């Protein structure tokens, strides 16, 4: 489990954000490949949120304004957290994140089911887990 501050200043935890299937998405507003993948995550989220799919965004931004602007521009409506410490944040350290985008698909108990699914692979795996 881990926790971090949301854009609104609340502390959100992984445990409190788990759905039947949860994508922990490590990204940043400055990361072009992350931003290119966001529309796919939005589409999968919208398709499966009512079946128990959840997303928790973990940003490696350093600039709070840039982070918040990217959330709004990309339509990321799920919970977001960031320590605004780039790759040195405690959550990135915990997961051994050295490059982004990086993602982990978890079950309802927080067990990792898959890593770094992008594009159609993410939707296909979520469809398999939440028919």
C-alpha atoms as a PDB file:
ATOM      1  CA  UNK A   1       0.000   0.000   0.000  1.00  0.00           C
ATOM      2  CA  UNK A   2       1.063   3.584  -0.527  1.00  0.00           C
ATOM      3  CA  UNK A   3      -0.483   7.018  -0.323  1.00  0.00           C
ATOM      4  CA  UNK A   4       0.168  10.493  -1.647  1.00  0.00           C
ATOM      5  CA  UNK A   5      -1.346  13.945  -2.032  1.00  0.00           C
ATOM      6  CA  UNK A   6      -4.077  14.594  -4.596  1.00  0.00           C
ATOM      7  CA  UNK A   7      -4.259  17.839  -6.607  1.00  0.00           C
ATOM      8  CA  UNK A   8      -6.779  19.060  -3.999  1.00  0.00           C
ATOM      9  CA  UNK A   9      -4.361  18.325  -1.132  1.00  0.00           C
ATOM     10  CA  UNK A  10      -6.128  15.211   0.213  1.00  0.00           C
ATOM     11  CA  UNK A  11      -4.107  12.096   0.992  1.00  0.00           C
ATOM     12  CA  UNK A  12      -5.271   9.194  -1.167  1.00  0.00           C
ATOM     13  CA  UNK A  13      -4.146   5.583  -0.729  1.00  0.00           C
ATOM     14  CA  UNK A  14      -3.857   2.634  -3.071  1.00  0.00           C
ATOM     15  CA  UNK A  15      -5.954   0.535  -0.692  1.00  0.00           C
ATOM     16  CA  UNK A  16      -8.744   3.139  -0.743  1.00  0.00           C
ATOM     17  CA  UNK A  17      -8.648   3.305  -4.545  1.00  0.00           C
ATOM     18  CA  UNK A  18      -8.733  -0.403  -5.407  1.00  0.00           C
ATOM     19  CA  UNK A  19     -11.558  -1.650  -7.600  1.00  0.00           C
ATOM     20  CA  UNK A  20     -12.115  -5.193  -8.864  1.00  0.00           C
ATOM     21  CA  UNK A  21      -9.279  -4.400 -11.272  1.00  0.00           C
ATOM     22  CA  UNK A  22      -7.085  -1.310 -10.828  1.00  0.00           C
ATOM     23  CA  UNK A  23      -4.531   0.266 -13.128  1.00  0.00           C
ATOM     24  CA  UNK A  24      -1.751   2.081 -11.274  1.00  0.00           C
ATOM     25  CA  UNK A  25      -0.518   4.455 -13.975  1.00  0.00           C
ATOM     26  CA  UNK A  26       2.857   6.180 -13.535  1.00  0.00           C
ATOM     27  CA  UNK A  27       2.962   9.205 -15.812  1.00  0.00           C
ATOM     28  CA  UNK A  28       3.792  12.941 -15.959  1.00  0.00           C
ATOM     29  CA  UNK A  29       2.511  16.020 -17.730  1.00  0.00           C
ATOM     30  CA  UNK A  30       5.892  16.536 -19.439  1.00  0.00           C
ATOM     31  CA  UNK A  31       6.029  12.927 -20.743  1.00  0.00           C
ATOM     32  CA  UNK A  32       4.932  12.837 -24.408  1.00  0.00           C
ATOM     33  CA  UNK A  33       4.480   9.017 -24.576  1.00  0.00           C
ATOM     34  CA  UNK A  34       2.399   9.169 -21.364  1.00  0.00           C
ATOM     35  CA  UNK A  35       0.188  11.895 -22.771  1.00  0.00           C
ATOM     36  CA  UNK A  36      -0.185   9.933 -26.031  1.00  0.00           C
ATOM     37  CA  UNK A  37      -1.422   6.887 -24.044  1.00  0.00           C
ATOM     38  CA  UNK A  38      -3.910   8.870 -21.910  1.00  0.00           C
ATOM     39  CA  UNK A  39      -6.759   8.807 -24.491  1.00  0.00           C
ATOM     40  CA  UNK A  40      -6.548   4.994 -24.528  1.00  0.00           C
ATOM     41  CA  UNK A  41      -6.722   4.830 -20.720  1.00  0.00           C
ATOM     42  CA  UNK A  42      -9.683   7.244 -20.726  1.00  0.00           C
ATOM     43  CA  UNK A  43     -11.487   5.030 -23.271  1.00  0.00           C
ATOM     44  CA  UNK A  44     -10.870   1.816 -21.277  1.00  0.00           C
ATOM     45  CA  UNK A  45     -11.852   3.553 -18.029  1.00  0.00           C
ATOM     46  CA  UNK A  46     -15.117   4.831 -19.510  1.00  0.00           C
ATOM     47  CA  UNK A  47     -15.911   1.399 -20.944  1.00  0.00           C
ATOM     48  CA  UNK A  48     -15.244  -0.612 -17.754  1.00  0.00           C
ATOM     49  CA  UNK A  49     -15.639   1.722 -14.745  1.00  0.00           C
ATOM     50  CA  UNK A  50     -19.177   0.453 -14.104  1.00  0.00           C
ATOM     51  CA  UNK A  51     -17.851  -3.132 -13.963  1.00  0.00           C
ATOM     52  CA  UNK A  52     -15.301  -2.333 -11.244  1.00  0.00           C
ATOM     53  CA  UNK A  53     -12.317  -0.959 -13.208  1.00  0.00           C
ATOM     54  CA  UNK A  54     -10.438   1.788 -11.385  1.00  0.00           C
ATOM     55  CA  UNK A  55      -7.376   3.844 -12.263  1.00  0.00           C
ATOM     56  CA  UNK A  56      -4.979   5.545  -9.871  1.00  0.00           C
ATOM     57  CA  UNK A  57      -2.642   8.021 -11.528  1.00  0.00           C
ATOM     58  CA  UNK A  58       0.766   8.486  -9.923  1.00  0.00           C
ATOM     59  CA  UNK A  59       2.452  11.527 -11.429  1.00  0.00           C
ATOM     60  CA  UNK A  60       6.208  12.039 -11.523  1.00  0.00           C
ATOM     61  CA  UNK A  61       5.770  15.730 -12.221  1.00  0.00           C
ATOM     62  CA  UNK A  62       7.805  18.339 -10.370  1.00  0.00           C
ATOM     63  CA  UNK A  63       5.603  21.284 -11.293  1.00  0.00           C
ATOM     64  CA  UNK A  64       2.148  21.310  -9.673  1.00  0.00           C
ATOM     65  CA  UNK A  65       0.616  23.670 -12.249  1.00  0.00           C
ATOM     66  CA  UNK A  66       1.822  21.547 -15.184  1.00  0.00           C
ATOM     67  CA  UNK A  67       0.463  18.420 -13.461  1.00  0.00           C
ATOM     68  CA  UNK A  68      -2.990  19.918 -12.871  1.00  0.00           C
ATOM     69  CA  UNK A  69      -3.166  21.326 -16.407  1.00  0.00           C
ATOM     70  CA  UNK A  70      -2.333  17.909 -17.902  1.00  0.00           C
ATOM     71  CA  UNK A  71      -5.045  16.218 -15.790  1.00  0.00           C
ATOM     72  CA  UNK A  72      -7.644  18.731 -16.998  1.00  0.00           C
ATOM     73  CA  UNK A  73      -6.529  18.787 -20.650  1.00  0.00           C
ATOM     74  CA  UNK A  74      -6.403  14.974 -20.941  1.00  0.00           C
ATOM     75  CA  UNK A  75      -9.714  14.432 -19.082  1.00  0.00           C
ATOM     76  CA  UNK A  76      -8.250  12.233 -16.343  1.00  0.00           C
ATOM     77  CA  UNK A  77     -11.261  11.960 -14.019  1.00  0.00           C
ATOM     78  CA  UNK A  78      -9.931   9.181 -11.777  1.00  0.00           C
ATOM     79  CA  UNK A  79      -7.917   9.737  -8.576  1.00  0.00           C
ATOM     80  CA  UNK A  80      -4.471  11.278  -9.042  1.00  0.00           C
ATOM     81  CA  UNK A  81      -1.581  11.592  -6.612  1.00  0.00           C
ATOM     82  CA  UNK A  82       1.913  13.069  -6.750  1.00  0.00           C
ATOM     83  CA  UNK A  83       4.688  13.962  -4.355  1.00  0.00           C
ATOM     84  CA  UNK A  84       6.030  16.283  -7.095  1.00  0.00           C
ATOM     85  CA  UNK A  85       9.456  14.672  -6.710  1.00  0.00           C
ATOM     86  CA  UNK A  86      10.093  13.331 -10.215  1.00  0.00           C
ATOM     87  CA  UNK A  87      11.619   9.820 -10.091  1.00  0.00           C
ATOM     88  CA  UNK A  88      12.736  10.388  -6.479  1.00  0.00           C
ATOM     89  CA  UNK A  89       9.219  10.186  -5.010  1.00  0.00           C
ATOM     90  CA  UNK A  90       8.571   7.383  -2.535  1.00  0.00           C
ATOM     91  CA  UNK A  91       5.980   5.607  -4.714  1.00  0.00           C
ATOM     92  CA  UNK A  92       8.239   5.584  -7.792  1.00  0.00           C
ATOM     93  CA  UNK A  93      11.029   4.237  -5.577  1.00  0.00           C
ATOM     94  CA  UNK A  94       8.736   1.559  -4.102  1.00  0.00           C
ATOM     95  CA  UNK A  95       7.809   0.285  -7.582  1.00  0.00           C
ATOM     96  CA  UNK A  96      11.321   0.672  -9.013  1.00  0.00           C
ATOM     97  CA  UNK A  97      10.180   3.103 -11.701  1.00  0.00           C
ATOM     98  CA  UNK A  98      13.081   4.152 -13.955  1.00  0.00           C
ATOM     99  CA  UNK A  99      11.094   5.185 -17.048  1.00  0.00           C
ATOM    100  CA  UNK A 100       7.536   6.261 -17.808  1.00  0.00           C
ATOM    101  CA  UNK A 101       4.909   5.522 -18.897  1.00  0.00           C
ATOM    102  CA  UNK A 102       4.793   2.539 -16.583  1.00  0.00           C
ATOM    103  CA  UNK A 103       1.693   0.781 -15.322  1.00  0.00           C
ATOM    104  CA  UNK A 104       0.633  -2.112 -13.140  1.00  0.00           C
ATOM    105  CA  UNK A 105      -2.724  -3.864 -13.397  1.00  0.00           C
ATOM    106  CA  UNK A 106      -3.812  -5.083  -9.954  1.00  0.00           C
ATOM    107  CA  UNK A 107      -6.590  -7.331  -8.686  1.00  0.00           C
ATOM    108  CA  UNK A 108      -8.908  -6.343  -5.811  1.00  0.00           C
ATOM    109  CA  UNK A 109      -6.252  -7.461  -3.294  1.00  0.00           C
ATOM    110  CA  UNK A 110      -3.477  -5.388  -4.864  1.00  0.00           C
ATOM    111  CA  UNK A 111      -1.757  -8.374  -6.516  1.00  0.00           C
ATOM    112  CA  UNK A 112      -0.035  -7.467  -9.798  1.00  0.00           C
ATOM    113  CA  UNK A 113      -1.732  -9.202 -12.746  1.00  0.00           C
ATOM    114  CA  UNK A 114       0.111  -7.489 -15.614  1.00  0.00           C
ATOM    115  CA  UNK A 115       2.626  -4.718 -16.295  1.00  0.00           C
ATOM    116  CA  UNK A 116       2.952  -1.996 -18.919  1.00  0.00           C
ATOM    117  CA  UNK A 117      -0.106  -2.817 -21.028  1.00  0.00           C
ATOM    118  CA  UNK A 118      -0.648  -0.101 -23.629  1.00  0.00           C
ATOM    119  CA  UNK A 119      -2.925   0.493 -26.558  1.00  0.00           C
ATOM    120  CA  UNK A 120      -5.297  -2.370 -27.405  1.00  0.00           C
ATOM    121  CA  UNK A 121      -3.518  -4.729 -24.953  1.00  0.00           C
ATOM    122  CA  UNK A 122      -4.895  -2.812 -21.957  1.00  0.00           C
ATOM    123  CA  UNK A 123      -8.500  -2.982 -23.159  1.00  0.00           C
ATOM    124  CA  UNK A 124      -8.141  -6.658 -24.094  1.00  0.00           C
ATOM    125  CA  UNK A 125      -6.816  -7.632 -20.651  1.00  0.00           C
ATOM    126  CA  UNK A 126      -9.465  -5.622 -18.784  1.00  0.00           C
ATOM    127  CA  UNK A 127     -12.165  -7.189 -20.998  1.00  0.00           C
ATOM    128  CA  UNK A 128     -10.818 -10.624 -20.081  1.00  0.00           C
ATOM    129  CA  UNK A 129     -10.857  -9.808 -16.344  1.00  0.00           C
ATOM    130  CA  UNK A 130     -14.203  -7.947 -16.308  1.00  0.00           C
ATOM    131  CA  UNK A 131     -16.363  -9.666 -18.953  1.00  0.00           C
END
